[in-house]
PDB file of all heavy atoms in Angstrom:
ATOM      1  N   ILE A   1      79.083 -87.234   2.612  1.00  0.00           N
ATOM      2  CA  ILE A   1      80.228 -86.471   3.055  1.00  0.00           C
ATOM      3  C   ILE A   1      81.176 -87.313   3.913  1.00  0.00           C
ATOM      4  O   ILE A   1      82.380 -87.117   3.936  1.00  0.00           O
ATOM      5  CB  ILE A   1      79.828 -85.167   3.820  1.00  0.00           C
ATOM      6  CG1 ILE A   1      81.023 -84.205   3.921  1.00  0.00           C
ATOM      7  CG2 ILE A   1      79.247 -85.514   5.207  1.00  0.00           C
ATOM      8  CD1 ILE A   1      80.669 -82.861   4.442  1.00  0.00           C
ATOM      9  N   ALA A   2      80.614 -88.370   4.556  1.00  0.00           N
ATOM     10  CA  ALA A   2      81.442 -89.210   5.434  1.00  0.00           C
ATOM     11  C   ALA A   2      82.496 -89.944   4.627  1.00  0.00           C
ATOM     12  O   ALA A   2      83.694 -89.947   4.993  1.00  0.00           O
ATOM     13  CB  ALA A   2      80.542 -90.164   6.218  1.00  0.00           C
ATOM     14  N   PHE A   3      82.074 -90.624   3.525  1.00  0.00           N
ATOM     15  CA  PHE A   3      83.084 -91.308   2.748  1.00  0.00           C
ATOM     16  C   PHE A   3      83.733 -90.385   1.719  1.00  0.00           C
ATOM     17  O   PHE A   3      84.813 -90.636   1.205  1.00  0.00           O
ATOM     18  CB  PHE A   3      82.549 -92.558   2.100  1.00  0.00           C
ATOM     19  CG  PHE A   3      81.829 -92.379   0.794  1.00  0.00           C
ATOM     20  CD1 PHE A   3      82.494 -92.422  -0.413  1.00  0.00           C
ATOM     21  CD2 PHE A   3      80.461 -92.141   0.777  1.00  0.00           C
ATOM     22  CE1 PHE A   3      81.851 -92.251  -1.612  1.00  0.00           C
ATOM     23  CE2 PHE A   3      79.780 -91.983  -0.427  1.00  0.00           C
ATOM     24  CZ  PHE A   3      80.487 -92.019  -1.614  1.00  0.00           C
ATOM     25  N   GLY A   4      83.035 -89.274   1.395  1.00  0.00           N
ATOM     26  CA  GLY A   4      83.569 -88.293   0.470  1.00  0.00           C
ATOM     27  C   GLY A   4      84.820 -87.601   0.951  1.00  0.00           C
ATOM     28  O   GLY A   4      85.542 -86.985   0.174  1.00  0.00           O
ATOM     29  N   ALA A   5      85.069 -87.705   2.248  1.00  0.00           N
ATOM     30  CA  ALA A   5      86.305 -87.133   2.785  1.00  0.00           C
ATOM     31  C   ALA A   5      87.564 -87.774   2.222  1.00  0.00           C
ATOM     32  O   ALA A   5      88.647 -87.258   2.406  1.00  0.00           O
ATOM     33  CB  ALA A   5      86.320 -87.249   4.335  1.00  0.00           C
ATOM     34  N   PHE A   6      87.397 -88.894   1.536  1.00  0.00           N
ATOM     35  CA  PHE A   6      88.556 -89.642   1.029  1.00  0.00           C
ATOM     36  C   PHE A   6      88.695 -89.552  -0.486  1.00  0.00           C
ATOM     37  O   PHE A   6      89.518 -90.274  -1.064  1.00  0.00           O
ATOM     38  CB  PHE A   6      88.474 -91.082   1.516  1.00  0.00           C
ATOM     39  CG  PHE A   6      88.433 -91.186   3.012  1.00  0.00           C
ATOM     40  CD1 PHE A   6      87.212 -91.290   3.687  1.00  0.00           C
ATOM     41  CD2 PHE A   6      89.574 -91.115   3.780  1.00  0.00           C
ATOM     42  CE1 PHE A   6      87.142 -91.344   5.061  1.00  0.00           C
ATOM     43  CE2 PHE A   6      89.537 -91.164   5.159  1.00  0.00           C
ATOM     44  CZ  PHE A   6      88.313 -91.276   5.805  1.00  0.00           C
ATOM     45  N   TYR A   7      87.915 -88.668  -1.131  1.00  0.00           N
ATOM     46  CA  TYR A   7      88.133 -88.435  -2.559  1.00  0.00           C
ATOM     47  C   TYR A   7      89.328 -87.509  -2.736  1.00  0.00           C
ATOM     48  O   TYR A   7      89.633 -86.663  -1.880  1.00  0.00           O
ATOM     49  CB  TYR A   7      86.896 -87.756  -3.181  1.00  0.00           C
ATOM     50  CG  TYR A   7      85.820 -88.705  -3.574  1.00  0.00           C
ATOM     51  CD1 TYR A   7      84.655 -88.840  -2.816  1.00  0.00           C
ATOM     52  CD2 TYR A   7      85.936 -89.451  -4.730  1.00  0.00           C
ATOM     53  CE1 TYR A   7      83.638 -89.728  -3.171  1.00  0.00           C
ATOM     54  CE2 TYR A   7      84.919 -90.312  -5.102  1.00  0.00           C
ATOM     55  CZ  TYR A   7      83.805 -90.458  -4.335  1.00  0.00           C
ATOM     56  OH  TYR A   7      82.808 -91.322  -4.718  1.00  0.00           O
ATOM     57  N   PRO A   8      90.025 -87.628  -3.878  1.00  0.00           N
ATOM     58  CA  PRO A   8      91.149 -86.663  -4.153  1.00  0.00           C
ATOM     59  C   PRO A   8      90.669 -85.219  -4.121  1.00  0.00           C
ATOM     60  O   PRO A   8      91.302 -84.370  -3.524  1.00  0.00           O
ATOM     61  CB  PRO A   8      91.614 -87.108  -5.544  1.00  0.00           C
ATOM     62  CG  PRO A   8      91.204 -88.523  -5.661  1.00  0.00           C
ATOM     63  CD  PRO A   8      89.925 -88.669  -4.906  1.00  0.00           C
ATOM     64  N   PHE A   9      89.535 -84.942  -4.794  1.00  0.00           N
ATOM     65  CA  PHE A   9      88.954 -83.610  -4.807  1.00  0.00           C
ATOM     66  C   PHE A   9      87.678 -83.653  -3.997  1.00  0.00           C
ATOM     67  O   PHE A   9      86.760 -84.438  -4.249  1.00  0.00           O
ATOM     68  CB  PHE A   9      88.628 -83.182  -6.265  1.00  0.00           C
ATOM     69  CG  PHE A   9      87.928 -81.863  -6.396  1.00  0.00           C
ATOM     70  CD1 PHE A   9      88.521 -80.691  -5.998  1.00  0.00           C
ATOM     71  CD2 PHE A   9      86.664 -81.806  -6.948  1.00  0.00           C
ATOM     72  CE1 PHE A   9      87.886 -79.481  -6.124  1.00  0.00           C
ATOM     73  CE2 PHE A   9      85.983 -80.605  -7.109  1.00  0.00           C
ATOM     74  CZ  PHE A   9      86.604 -79.450  -6.681  1.00  0.00           C
ATOM     75  N   MET A  10      87.571 -82.781  -2.983  1.00  0.00           N
ATOM     76  CA  MET A  10      86.458 -82.831  -2.042  1.00  0.00           C
ATOM     77  C   MET A  10      85.715 -81.484  -2.078  1.00  0.00           C
ATOM     78  O   MET A  10      86.174 -80.523  -1.531  1.00  0.00           O
ATOM     79  CB  MET A  10      86.916 -83.143  -0.654  1.00  0.00           C
ATOM     80  CG  MET A  10      85.759 -83.373   0.341  1.00  0.00           C
ATOM     81  SD  MET A  10      86.291 -83.546   2.073  1.00  0.00           S
ATOM     82  CE  MET A  10      84.705 -83.975   2.825  1.00  0.00           C
ATOM     83  N   ARG A  11      84.551 -81.476  -2.731  1.00  0.00           N
ATOM     84  CA  ARG A  11      83.749 -80.265  -2.827  1.00  0.00           C
ATOM     85  C   ARG A  11      82.276 -80.592  -2.633  1.00  0.00           C
ATOM     86  O   ARG A  11      81.762 -81.554  -3.211  1.00  0.00           O
ATOM     87  CB  ARG A  11      83.932 -79.612  -4.208  1.00  0.00           C
ATOM     88  CG  ARG A  11      83.151 -78.293  -4.375  1.00  0.00           C
ATOM     89  CD  ARG A  11      83.333 -77.654  -5.693  1.00  0.00           C
ATOM     90  NE  ARG A  11      82.546 -78.315  -6.759  1.00  0.00           N
ATOM     91  CZ  ARG A  11      82.289 -77.785  -7.934  1.00  0.00           C
ATOM     92  NH1 ARG A  11      82.767 -76.571  -8.260  1.00  0.00           N
ATOM     93  NH2 ARG A  11      81.543 -78.440  -8.835  1.00  0.00           N
ATOM     94  N   GLY A  12      81.609 -79.800  -1.824  1.00  0.00           N
ATOM     95  CA  GLY A  12      80.152 -79.821  -1.720  1.00  0.00           C
ATOM     96  C   GLY A  12      79.544 -78.764  -2.621  1.00  0.00           C
ATOM     97  O   GLY A  12      80.080 -77.671  -2.714  1.00  0.00           O
ATOM     98  N   HIS A  13      78.436 -79.125  -3.300  1.00  0.00           N
ATOM     99  CA  HIS A  13      77.862 -78.178  -4.271  1.00  0.00           C
ATOM    100  C   HIS A  13      76.348 -78.358  -4.283  1.00  0.00           C
ATOM    101  O   HIS A  13      75.822 -79.383  -3.823  1.00  0.00           O
ATOM    102  CB  HIS A  13      78.453 -78.517  -5.637  1.00  0.00           C
ATOM    103  CG  HIS A  13      78.183 -77.479  -6.719  1.00  0.00           C
ATOM    104  ND1 HIS A  13      77.792 -76.192  -6.429  1.00  0.00           N
ATOM    105  CD2 HIS A  13      78.281 -77.523  -8.066  1.00  0.00           C
ATOM    106  CE1 HIS A  13      77.673 -75.485  -7.543  1.00  0.00           C
ATOM    107  NE2 HIS A  13      77.941 -76.290  -8.561  1.00  0.00           N
ATOM    108  N   ALA A  14      75.639 -77.364  -4.811  1.00  0.00           N
ATOM    109  CA  ALA A  14      74.199 -77.410  -4.865  1.00  0.00           C
ATOM    110  C   ALA A  14      73.712 -76.534  -6.006  1.00  0.00           C
ATOM    111  O   ALA A  14      74.245 -75.449  -6.237  1.00  0.00           O
ATOM    112  CB  ALA A  14      73.551 -76.942  -3.561  1.00  0.00           C
ATOM    113  N   SER A  15      72.651 -76.957  -6.703  1.00  0.00           N
ATOM    114  CA  SER A  15      72.057 -76.168  -7.748  1.00  0.00           C
ATOM    115  C   SER A  15      71.210 -75.055  -7.135  1.00  0.00           C
ATOM    116  O   SER A  15      70.924 -75.061  -5.932  1.00  0.00           O
ATOM    117  CB  SER A  15      71.215 -77.024  -8.671  1.00  0.00           C
ATOM    118  OG  SER A  15      70.096 -77.540  -7.989  1.00  0.00           O
ATOM    119  N   ASN A  16      70.814 -74.128  -8.011  1.00  0.00           N
ATOM    120  CA  ASN A  16      70.047 -72.957  -7.489  1.00  0.00           C
ATOM    121  C   ASN A  16      68.606 -73.290  -7.083  1.00  0.00           C
ATOM    122  O   ASN A  16      67.948 -72.457  -6.473  1.00  0.00           O
ATOM    123  CB  ASN A  16      70.073 -71.822  -8.531  1.00  0.00           C
ATOM    124  CG  ASN A  16      69.517 -72.280  -9.895  1.00  0.00           C
ATOM    125  OD1 ASN A  16      69.106 -73.412 -10.068  1.00  0.00           O
ATOM    126  ND2 ASN A  16      69.547 -71.367 -10.820  1.00  0.00           N
ATOM    127  N   ASN A  17      68.141 -74.470  -7.440  1.00  0.00           N
ATOM    128  CA  ASN A  17      66.766 -74.829  -7.048  1.00  0.00           C
ATOM    129  C   ASN A  17      66.741 -75.985  -6.034  1.00  0.00           C
ATOM    130  O   ASN A  17      65.729 -76.636  -5.836  1.00  0.00           O
ATOM    131  CB  ASN A  17      65.937 -75.207  -8.289  1.00  0.00           C
ATOM    132  CG  ASN A  17      66.586 -76.366  -9.088  1.00  0.00           C
ATOM    133  OD1 ASN A  17      67.637 -76.844  -8.712  1.00  0.00           O
ATOM    134  ND2 ASN A  17      65.936 -76.766 -10.144  1.00  0.00           N
ATOM    135  N   ALA A  18      67.892 -76.233  -5.413  1.00  0.00           N
ATOM    136  CA  ALA A  18      68.013 -77.288  -4.378  1.00  0.00           C
ATOM    137  C   ALA A  18      68.063 -76.662  -3.010  1.00  0.00           C
ATOM    138  O   ALA A  18      68.257 -75.441  -2.837  1.00  0.00           O
ATOM    139  CB  ALA A  18      69.245 -78.132  -4.639  1.00  0.00           C
ATOM    140  N   ASN A  19      67.923 -77.512  -1.990  1.00  0.00           N
ATOM    141  CA  ASN A  19      68.015 -77.009  -0.638  1.00  0.00           C
ATOM    142  C   ASN A  19      69.456 -76.643  -0.299  1.00  0.00           C
ATOM    143  O   ASN A  19      70.388 -76.982  -1.036  1.00  0.00           O
ATOM    144  CB  ASN A  19      67.476 -78.037   0.366  1.00  0.00           C
ATOM    145  CG  ASN A  19      68.199 -79.394   0.290  1.00  0.00           C
ATOM    146  OD1 ASN A  19      68.942 -79.672  -0.635  1.00  0.00           O
ATOM    147  ND2 ASN A  19      67.940 -80.241   1.294  1.00  0.00           N
ATOM    148  N   ASN A  20      69.640 -75.934   0.798  1.00  0.00           N
ATOM    149  CA  ASN A  20      70.998 -75.608   1.225  1.00  0.00           C
ATOM    150  C   ASN A  20      71.727 -76.902   1.576  1.00  0.00           C
ATOM    151  O   ASN A  20      71.198 -77.808   2.212  1.00  0.00           O
ATOM    152  CB  ASN A  20      70.938 -74.711   2.481  1.00  0.00           C
ATOM    153  CG  ASN A  20      70.447 -73.310   2.113  1.00  0.00           C
ATOM    154  OD1 ASN A  20      70.621 -72.824   1.011  1.00  0.00           O
ATOM    155  ND2 ASN A  20      69.817 -72.662   3.088  1.00  0.00           N
ATOM    156  N   LYS A  21      73.004 -76.962   1.162  1.00  0.00           N
ATOM    157  CA  LYS A  21      73.774 -78.170   1.362  1.00  0.00           C
ATOM    158  C   LYS A  21      75.098 -77.903   2.105  1.00  0.00           C
ATOM    159  O   LYS A  21      76.074 -78.634   1.939  1.00  0.00           O
ATOM    160  CB  LYS A  21      74.047 -78.861   0.019  1.00  0.00           C
ATOM    161  CG  LYS A  21      72.760 -79.312  -0.675  1.00  0.00           C
ATOM    162  CD  LYS A  21      73.015 -80.003  -2.008  1.00  0.00           C
ATOM    163  CE  LYS A  21      71.686 -80.360  -2.684  1.00  0.00           C
ATOM    164  NZ  LYS A  21      71.889 -80.990  -4.015  1.00  0.00           N
ATOM    165  N   GLU A  22      75.135 -76.853   2.898  1.00  0.00           N
ATOM    166  CA  GLU A  22      76.271 -76.669   3.786  1.00  0.00           C
ATOM    167  C   GLU A  22      76.149 -77.714   4.921  1.00  0.00           C
ATOM    168  O   GLU A  22      75.045 -78.120   5.238  1.00  0.00           O
ATOM    169  CB  GLU A  22      76.308 -75.251   4.358  1.00  0.00           C
ATOM    170  CG  GLU A  22      76.515 -74.164   3.326  1.00  0.00           C
ATOM    171  CD  GLU A  22      75.239 -73.812   2.598  1.00  0.00           C
ATOM    172  OE1 GLU A  22      74.140 -73.987   3.178  1.00  0.00           O
ATOM    173  OE2 GLU A  22      75.304 -73.398   1.427  1.00  0.00           O
ATOM    174  N   PRO A  23      77.254 -78.092   5.539  1.00  0.00           N
ATOM    175  CA  PRO A  23      77.224 -79.184   6.526  1.00  0.00           C
ATOM    176  C   PRO A  23      76.290 -78.922   7.721  1.00  0.00           C
ATOM    177  O   PRO A  23      75.823 -79.856   8.315  1.00  0.00           O
ATOM    178  CB  PRO A  23      78.690 -79.282   6.959  1.00  0.00           C
ATOM    179  CG  PRO A  23      79.472 -78.813   5.813  1.00  0.00           C
ATOM    180  CD  PRO A  23      78.652 -77.718   5.202  1.00  0.00           C
ATOM    181  N   TRP A  24      75.998 -77.677   8.024  1.00  0.00           N
ATOM    182  CA  TRP A  24      75.163 -77.356   9.180  1.00  0.00           C
ATOM    183  C   TRP A  24      73.685 -77.254   8.808  1.00  0.00           C
ATOM    184  O   TRP A  24      72.842 -77.028   9.690  1.00  0.00           O
ATOM    185  CB  TRP A  24      75.603 -76.037   9.814  1.00  0.00           C
ATOM    186  CG  TRP A  24      75.583 -74.860   8.848  1.00  0.00           C
ATOM    187  CD1 TRP A  24      74.528 -74.105   8.504  1.00  0.00           C
ATOM    188  CD2 TRP A  24      76.705 -74.376   8.111  1.00  0.00           C
ATOM    189  NE1 TRP A  24      74.873 -73.134   7.579  1.00  0.00           N
ATOM    190  CE2 TRP A  24      76.216 -73.268   7.342  1.00  0.00           C
ATOM    191  CE3 TRP A  24      78.061 -74.686   8.031  1.00  0.00           C
ATOM    192  CZ2 TRP A  24      77.055 -72.532   6.483  1.00  0.00           C
ATOM    193  CZ3 TRP A  24      78.883 -73.951   7.210  1.00  0.00           C
ATOM    194  CH2 TRP A  24      78.392 -72.888   6.443  1.00  0.00           C
ATOM    195  N   ALA A  25      73.363 -77.397   7.519  1.00  0.00           N
ATOM    196  CA  ALA A  25      72.014 -77.165   7.049  1.00  0.00           C
ATOM    197  C   ALA A  25      71.042 -78.287   7.393  1.00  0.00           C
ATOM    198  O   ALA A  25      69.809 -78.092   7.178  1.00  0.00           O
ATOM    199  CB  ALA A  25      72.020 -76.942   5.535  1.00  0.00           C
ATOM    200  N   PHE A  26      71.503 -79.360   7.943  1.00  0.00           N
ATOM    201  CA  PHE A  26      70.653 -80.533   8.175  1.00  0.00           C
ATOM    202  C   PHE A  26      70.430 -80.852   9.656  1.00  0.00           C
ATOM    203  O   PHE A  26      69.889 -81.899   9.972  1.00  0.00           O
ATOM    204  CB  PHE A  26      71.261 -81.754   7.465  1.00  0.00           C
ATOM    205  CG  PHE A  26      71.574 -81.507   6.023  1.00  0.00           C
ATOM    206  CD1 PHE A  26      72.845 -81.106   5.613  1.00  0.00           C
ATOM    207  CD2 PHE A  26      70.569 -81.648   5.070  1.00  0.00           C
ATOM    208  CE1 PHE A  26      73.123 -80.869   4.294  1.00  0.00           C
ATOM    209  CE2 PHE A  26      70.847 -81.401   3.731  1.00  0.00           C
ATOM    210  CZ  PHE A  26      72.101 -81.002   3.309  1.00  0.00           C
ATOM    211  N   GLY A  27      70.824 -79.959  10.524  1.00  0.00           N
ATOM    212  CA  GLY A  27      70.635 -80.189  11.938  1.00  0.00           C
ATOM    213  C   GLY A  27      71.878 -80.641  12.644  1.00  0.00           C
ATOM    214  O   GLY A  27      72.890 -80.951  12.020  1.00  0.00           O
ATOM    215  N   PRO A  28      71.834 -80.748  13.977  1.00  0.00           N
ATOM    216  CA  PRO A  28      73.031 -81.035  14.791  1.00  0.00           C
ATOM    217  C   PRO A  28      73.667 -82.379  14.495  1.00  0.00           C
ATOM    218  O   PRO A  28      74.923 -82.475  14.491  1.00  0.00           O
ATOM    219  CB  PRO A  28      72.503 -80.997  16.228  1.00  0.00           C
ATOM    220  CG  PRO A  28      71.253 -80.146  16.152  1.00  0.00           C
ATOM    221  CD  PRO A  28      70.646 -80.403  14.800  1.00  0.00           C
ATOM    222  N   GLU A  29      72.875 -83.421  14.240  1.00  0.00           N
ATOM    223  CA  GLU A  29      73.474 -84.745  14.006  1.00  0.00           C
ATOM    224  C   GLU A  29      74.367 -84.752  12.757  1.00  0.00           C
ATOM    225  O   GLU A  29      75.500 -85.179  12.829  1.00  0.00           O
ATOM    226  CB  GLU A  29      72.407 -85.812  13.872  1.00  0.00           C
ATOM    227  CG  GLU A  29      72.955 -87.212  13.625  1.00  0.00           C
ATOM    228  CD  GLU A  29      71.903 -88.249  13.325  1.00  0.00           C
ATOM    229  OE1 GLU A  29      70.753 -87.890  13.017  1.00  0.00           O
ATOM    230  OE2 GLU A  29      72.270 -89.447  13.345  1.00  0.00           O
ATOM    231  N   ILE A  30      73.828 -84.273  11.651  1.00  0.00           N
ATOM    232  CA  ILE A  30      74.621 -84.284  10.385  1.00  0.00           C
ATOM    233  C   ILE A  30      75.752 -83.287  10.428  1.00  0.00           C
ATOM    234  O   ILE A  30      76.801 -83.486   9.840  1.00  0.00           O
ATOM    235  CB  ILE A  30      73.703 -84.063   9.177  1.00  0.00           C
ATOM    236  CG1 ILE A  30      72.606 -85.166   9.131  1.00  0.00           C
ATOM    237  CG2 ILE A  30      74.502 -84.057   7.885  1.00  0.00           C
ATOM    238  CD1 ILE A  30      73.150 -86.590   9.126  1.00  0.00           C
ATOM    239  N   GLU A  31      75.539 -82.196  11.184  1.00  0.00           N
ATOM    240  CA  GLU A  31      76.657 -81.270  11.376  1.00  0.00           C
ATOM    241  C   GLU A  31      77.821 -81.970  12.042  1.00  0.00           C
ATOM    242  O   GLU A  31      78.977 -81.780  11.667  1.00  0.00           O
ATOM    243  CB  GLU A  31      76.194 -80.063  12.203  1.00  0.00           C
ATOM    244  CG  GLU A  31      77.272 -79.041  12.422  1.00  0.00           C
ATOM    245  CD  GLU A  31      76.830 -77.854  13.281  1.00  0.00           C
ATOM    246  OE1 GLU A  31      75.682 -77.400  13.054  1.00  0.00           O
ATOM    247  OE2 GLU A  31      77.585 -77.420  14.152  1.00  0.00           O
ATOM    248  N   GLN A  32      77.560 -82.743  13.036  1.00  0.00           N
ATOM    249  CA  GLN A  32      78.615 -83.475  13.744  1.00  0.00           C
ATOM    250  C   GLN A  32      79.215 -84.586  12.888  1.00  0.00           C
ATOM    251  O   GLN A  32      80.411 -84.808  12.881  1.00  0.00           O
ATOM    252  CB  GLN A  32      78.108 -84.074  15.064  1.00  0.00           C
ATOM    253  CG  GLN A  32      79.219 -84.768  15.899  1.00  0.00           C
ATOM    254  CD  GLN A  32      80.409 -83.852  16.177  1.00  0.00           C
ATOM    255  OE1 GLN A  32      80.220 -82.680  16.521  1.00  0.00           O
ATOM    256  NE2 GLN A  32      81.595 -84.398  16.050  1.00  0.00           N
ATOM    257  N   VAL A  33      78.371 -85.266  12.098  1.00  0.00           N
ATOM    258  CA  VAL A  33      78.880 -86.228  11.119  1.00  0.00           C
ATOM    259  C   VAL A  33      79.863 -85.562  10.165  1.00  0.00           C
ATOM    260  O   VAL A  33      80.973 -86.076   9.921  1.00  0.00           O
ATOM    261  CB  VAL A  33      77.708 -86.870  10.337  1.00  0.00           C
ATOM    262  CG1 VAL A  33      78.225 -87.661   9.148  1.00  0.00           C
ATOM    263  CG2 VAL A  33      76.859 -87.764  11.209  1.00  0.00           C
ATOM    264  N   SER A  34      79.485 -84.391   9.691  1.00  0.00           N
ATOM    265  CA  SER A  34      80.349 -83.636   8.749  1.00  0.00           C
ATOM    266  C   SER A  34      81.640 -83.208   9.447  1.00  0.00           C
ATOM    267  O   SER A  34      82.722 -83.291   8.859  1.00  0.00           O
ATOM    268  CB  SER A  34      79.599 -82.391   8.248  1.00  0.00           C
ATOM    269  OG  SER A  34      78.418 -82.768   7.575  1.00  0.00           O
ATOM    270  N   ARG A  35      81.519 -82.744  10.659  1.00  0.00           N
ATOM    271  CA  ARG A  35      82.728 -82.314  11.383  1.00  0.00           C
ATOM    272  C   ARG A  35      83.707 -83.466  11.575  1.00  0.00           C
ATOM    273  O   ARG A  35      84.934 -83.294  11.354  1.00  0.00           O
ATOM    274  CB  ARG A  35      82.317 -81.756  12.777  1.00  0.00           C
ATOM    275  CG  ARG A  35      83.487 -81.145  13.567  1.00  0.00           C
ATOM    276  CD  ARG A  35      82.990 -80.501  14.843  1.00  0.00           C
ATOM    277  NE  ARG A  35      82.175 -79.320  14.588  1.00  0.00           N
ATOM    278  CZ  ARG A  35      80.864 -79.246  14.724  1.00  0.00           C
ATOM    279  NH1 ARG A  35      80.177 -80.329  15.140  1.00  0.00           N
ATOM    280  NH2 ARG A  35      80.211 -78.151  14.437  1.00  0.00           N
ATOM    281  N   THR A  36      83.203 -84.625  11.931  1.00  0.00           N
ATOM    282  CA  THR A  36      84.073 -85.787  12.088  1.00  0.00           C
ATOM    283  C   THR A  36      84.740 -86.149  10.742  1.00  0.00           C
ATOM    284  O   THR A  36      85.949 -86.430  10.690  1.00  0.00           O
ATOM    285  CB  THR A  36      83.284 -86.999  12.612  1.00  0.00           C
ATOM    286  OG1 THR A  36      82.736 -86.656  13.898  1.00  0.00           O
ATOM    287  CG2 THR A  36      84.168 -88.232  12.760  1.00  0.00           C
ATOM    288  N   ALA A  37      83.914 -86.129   9.679  1.00  0.00           N
ATOM    289  CA  ALA A  37      84.484 -86.467   8.365  1.00  0.00           C
ATOM    290  C   ALA A  37      85.542 -85.486   7.939  1.00  0.00           C
ATOM    291  O   ALA A  37      86.628 -85.848   7.447  1.00  0.00           O
ATOM    292  CB  ALA A  37      83.358 -86.478   7.335  1.00  0.00           C
ATOM    293  N   LEU A  38      85.316 -84.195   8.164  1.00  0.00           N
ATOM    294  CA  LEU A  38      86.276 -83.167   7.800  1.00  0.00           C
ATOM    295  C   LEU A  38      87.515 -83.237   8.656  1.00  0.00           C
ATOM    296  O   LEU A  38      88.643 -83.042   8.165  1.00  0.00           O
ATOM    297  CB  LEU A  38      85.635 -81.793   7.885  1.00  0.00           C
ATOM    298  CG  LEU A  38      84.522 -81.529   6.862  1.00  0.00           C
ATOM    299  CD1 LEU A  38      83.780 -80.247   7.171  1.00  0.00           C
ATOM    300  CD2 LEU A  38      85.051 -81.520   5.446  1.00  0.00           C
ATOM    301  N   ASN A  39      87.367 -83.517   9.918  1.00  0.00           N
ATOM    302  CA  ASN A  39      88.533 -83.679  10.763  1.00  0.00           C
ATOM    303  C   ASN A  39      89.383 -84.845  10.317  1.00  0.00           C
ATOM    304  O   ASN A  39      90.615 -84.806  10.383  1.00  0.00           O
ATOM    305  CB  ASN A  39      88.118 -83.874  12.235  1.00  0.00           C
ATOM    306  CG  ASN A  39      87.670 -82.584  12.891  1.00  0.00           C
ATOM    307  OD1 ASN A  39      87.991 -81.493  12.415  1.00  0.00           O
ATOM    308  ND2 ASN A  39      86.900 -82.700  13.953  1.00  0.00           N
ATOM    309  N   ARG A  40      88.725 -85.943   9.895  1.00  0.00           N
ATOM    310  CA  ARG A  40      89.482 -87.070   9.360  1.00  0.00           C
ATOM    311  C   ARG A  40      90.253 -86.682   8.107  1.00  0.00           C
ATOM    312  O   ARG A  40      91.446 -86.984   7.949  1.00  0.00           O
ATOM    313  CB  ARG A  40      88.536 -88.245   9.006  1.00  0.00           C
ATOM    314  CG  ARG A  40      87.850 -88.872  10.208  1.00  0.00           C
ATOM    315  CD  ARG A  40      86.816 -89.919   9.736  1.00  0.00           C
ATOM    316  NE  ARG A  40      87.220 -91.265  10.092  1.00  0.00           N
ATOM    317  CZ  ARG A  40      86.661 -92.382   9.614  1.00  0.00           C
ATOM    318  NH1 ARG A  40      85.702 -92.302   8.736  1.00  0.00           N
ATOM    319  NH2 ARG A  40      87.097 -93.583   9.991  1.00  0.00           N
ATOM    320  N   ARG A  41      89.608 -85.923   7.235  1.00  0.00           N
ATOM    321  CA  ARG A  41      90.249 -85.467   6.018  1.00  0.00           C
ATOM    322  C   ARG A  41      91.490 -84.637   6.327  1.00  0.00           C
ATOM    323  O   ARG A  41      92.573 -84.840   5.770  1.00  0.00           O
ATOM    324  CB  ARG A  41      89.276 -84.609   5.204  1.00  0.00           C
ATOM    325  CG  ARG A  41      89.873 -83.828   4.024  1.00  0.00           C
ATOM    326  CD  ARG A  41      90.057 -84.726   2.858  1.00  0.00           C
ATOM    327  NE  ARG A  41      90.503 -84.000   1.656  1.00  0.00           N
ATOM    328  CZ  ARG A  41      90.371 -84.486   0.422  1.00  0.00           C
ATOM    329  NH1 ARG A  41      89.840 -85.675   0.231  1.00  0.00           N
ATOM    330  NH2 ARG A  41      90.835 -83.826  -0.607  1.00  0.00           N
ATOM    331  N   TYR A  42      91.336 -83.676   7.223  1.00  0.00           N
ATOM    332  CA  TYR A  42      92.420 -82.751   7.502  1.00  0.00           C
ATOM    333  C   TYR A  42      93.558 -83.411   8.239  1.00  0.00           C
ATOM    334  O   TYR A  42      94.735 -83.053   8.083  1.00  0.00           O
ATOM    335  CB  TYR A  42      91.898 -81.500   8.234  1.00  0.00           C
ATOM    336  CG  TYR A  42      91.363 -80.484   7.258  1.00  0.00           C
ATOM    337  CD1 TYR A  42      90.117 -80.656   6.643  1.00  0.00           C
ATOM    338  CD2 TYR A  42      92.123 -79.374   6.880  1.00  0.00           C
ATOM    339  CE1 TYR A  42      89.635 -79.752   5.722  1.00  0.00           C
ATOM    340  CE2 TYR A  42      91.620 -78.442   5.975  1.00  0.00           C
ATOM    341  CZ  TYR A  42      90.355 -78.647   5.384  1.00  0.00           C
ATOM    342  OH  TYR A  42      89.900 -77.729   4.484  1.00  0.00           O
ATOM    343  N   ARG A  43      93.276 -84.368   9.116  1.00  0.00           N
ATOM    344  CA  ARG A  43      94.352 -85.113   9.766  1.00  0.00           C
ATOM    345  C   ARG A  43      95.160 -85.915   8.759  1.00  0.00           C
ATOM    346  O   ARG A  43      96.346 -86.136   8.937  1.00  0.00           O
ATOM    347  CB  ARG A  43      93.790 -86.048  10.848  1.00  0.00           C
ATOM    348  CG  ARG A  43      93.294 -85.357  12.093  1.00  0.00           C
ATOM    349  CD  ARG A  43      93.553 -86.214  13.333  1.00  0.00           C
ATOM    350  NE  ARG A  43      94.970 -86.227  13.686  1.00  0.00           N
ATOM    351  CZ  ARG A  43      95.494 -86.989  14.644  1.00  0.00           C
ATOM    352  NH1 ARG A  43      94.700 -87.814  15.330  1.00  0.00           N
ATOM    353  NH2 ARG A  43      96.772 -86.947  14.926  1.00  0.00           N
ATOM    354  N   LEU A  44      94.517 -86.322   7.686  1.00  0.00           N
ATOM    355  CA  LEU A  44      95.203 -87.132   6.653  1.00  0.00           C
ATOM    356  C   LEU A  44      95.911 -86.316   5.618  1.00  0.00           C
ATOM    357  O   LEU A  44      96.499 -86.881   4.692  1.00  0.00           O
ATOM    358  CB  LEU A  44      94.153 -88.022   5.958  1.00  0.00           C
ATOM    359  CG  LEU A  44      93.984 -89.463   6.432  1.00  0.00           C
ATOM    360  CD1 LEU A  44      93.009 -90.190   5.523  1.00  0.00           C
ATOM    361  CD2 LEU A  44      95.318 -90.192   6.478  1.00  0.00           C
ATOM    362  N   LEU A  45      95.891 -84.973   5.691  1.00  0.00           N
ATOM    363  CA  LEU A  45      96.499 -84.168   4.627  1.00  0.00           C
ATOM    364  C   LEU A  45      97.979 -84.494   4.393  1.00  0.00           C
ATOM    365  O   LEU A  45      98.386 -84.515   3.209  1.00  0.00           O
ATOM    366  CB  LEU A  45      96.352 -82.685   4.974  1.00  0.00           C
ATOM    367  CG  LEU A  45      94.996 -82.055   4.686  1.00  0.00           C
ATOM    368  CD1 LEU A  45      94.979 -80.569   5.026  1.00  0.00           C
ATOM    369  CD2 LEU A  45      94.568 -82.250   3.224  1.00  0.00           C
ATOM    370  N   PRO A  46      98.774 -84.817   5.374  1.00  0.00           N
ATOM    371  CA  PRO A  46     100.158 -85.221   5.063  1.00  0.00           C
ATOM    372  C   PRO A  46     100.223 -86.436   4.142  1.00  0.00           C
ATOM    373  O   PRO A  46     101.074 -86.528   3.270  1.00  0.00           O
ATOM    374  CB  PRO A  46     100.789 -85.484   6.436  1.00  0.00           C
ATOM    375  CG  PRO A  46     100.002 -84.638   7.378  1.00  0.00           C
ATOM    376  CD  PRO A  46      98.588 -84.681   6.844  1.00  0.00           C
TER     377      PRO A  46
END
């Protein structure tokens, strides 16, 4: 998700037999990693 913030199309996805893959599903550290990545993406929207 950190470098995925710079793809043209940015989507997280998971199959029905996989673990949860929302940014908060992996604990506080990865949640913050995701938040930083998403903030970078949104600042770059222009």
